[in-house]
Protein backbone atom coordinates (compact mmCIF):
# COMPACT_ATOMS: atom_id res chain seq x y z
CA MET A 1 -25.99 4.20 4.27
CA ALA A 2 -24.67 7.62 5.28
CA VAL A 3 -21.56 7.66 7.64
CA SER A 4 -22.11 10.23 9.98
CA LYS A 5 -19.41 12.75 11.23
CA ALA A 6 -18.49 10.91 14.57
CA GLN A 7 -18.38 7.86 12.54
CA GLN A 8 -15.75 9.44 9.92
CA ALA A 9 -14.22 10.35 12.43
CA SER A 10 -13.48 7.64 14.57
CA VAL A 11 -12.53 6.06 11.20
CA ASN A 12 -9.85 8.66 10.97
CA LYS A 13 -8.66 8.44 14.58
CA TYR A 14 -8.13 5.01 14.47
CA VAL A 15 -6.50 5.15 11.06
CA LYS A 16 -4.01 7.35 12.25
CA SER A 17 -3.07 5.48 15.38
CA ASN A 18 -3.20 2.24 13.31
CA TYR A 19 -1.56 2.74 10.11
CA ASP A 20 1.12 4.16 8.36
CA ARG A 21 0.87 6.38 4.92
CA ILE A 22 3.13 6.75 2.18
CA ASN A 23 2.29 8.92 -0.87
CA VAL A 24 3.58 7.47 -4.60
CA THR A 25 4.15 9.97 -7.48
CA MET A 26 4.57 8.44 -10.40
CA GLN A 27 3.82 9.34 -14.23
CA LYS A 28 0.57 9.70 -16.30
CA GLY A 29 -1.19 6.57 -16.99
CA ARG A 30 0.72 3.95 -14.83
CA ARG A 31 -1.96 4.25 -11.73
CA GLU A 32 -4.90 2.77 -14.48
CA VAL A 33 -1.94 0.13 -15.30
CA ILE A 34 -1.98 -0.67 -11.45
CA GLN A 35 -5.44 -0.38 -10.90
CA ALA A 36 -6.51 -2.81 -14.05
CA HIS A 37 -3.60 -5.26 -12.71
CA ALA A 38 -4.68 -5.50 -9.30
CA ALA A 39 -8.01 -5.97 -9.76
CA ALA A 40 -7.36 -8.87 -12.52
CA GLN A 41 -6.00 -9.99 -9.46
CA GLY A 42 -8.89 -10.05 -7.26
CA GLU A 43 -6.91 -7.36 -4.65
CA SER A 44 -7.06 -3.55 -4.53
CA VAL A 45 -4.47 -0.91 -5.57
CA ASN A 46 -3.03 -1.34 -1.58
CA ALA A 47 -3.24 -4.98 -1.02
CA PHE A 48 -1.10 -5.06 -4.91
CA ILE A 49 1.50 -2.33 -3.60
CA ASN A 50 1.72 -3.79 -0.28
CA ARG A 51 2.49 -7.31 -1.77
CA ALA A 52 4.75 -6.04 -4.15
CA ILE A 53 6.51 -4.16 -1.96
CA GLN A 54 6.24 -7.79 0.41
CA GLU A 55 7.72 -9.55 -2.27
CA ALA A 56 10.41 -6.70 -3.20
CA MET A 57 11.50 -7.46 0.27
CA GLU A 58 11.67 -10.75 0.44
CA ARG A 59 13.48 -11.51 -2.83
CA ASP A 60 16.21 -9.02 -1.83
CA LYS A 61 17.14 -10.39 1.60
CA ALA A 62 16.96 -13.97 -0.29
CA ALA A 63 19.57 -12.25 -2.57
CA GLY A 64 21.72 -10.60 0.42
CA ALA A 65 20.95 -7.53 -0.19
CA PRO A 66 21.51 -4.79 2.83
CA GLN A 67 18.75 -4.85 4.65
CA GLU A 68 18.25 -1.84 6.82
CA GLY A 69 19.90 -0.96 9.32
CA ASN A 70 22.44 -2.17 8.16
CA ALA A 71 23.62 -0.12 5.70
């Protein structure tokens, strides 16, 4: 089913008001490796990257690394 321009505009407005975007730059070929890994885990690339960031932040916190606002 095709999405109307009004529907897409509504989705874009919702995303813009409820989510932040971060652009990630990496070496050529790395994207495909990440996509394959995420698929093997049964998740999207976005979900994988968010999970990886959350896990790293939790590890850092447990290790006593300086937190945001404490540096």
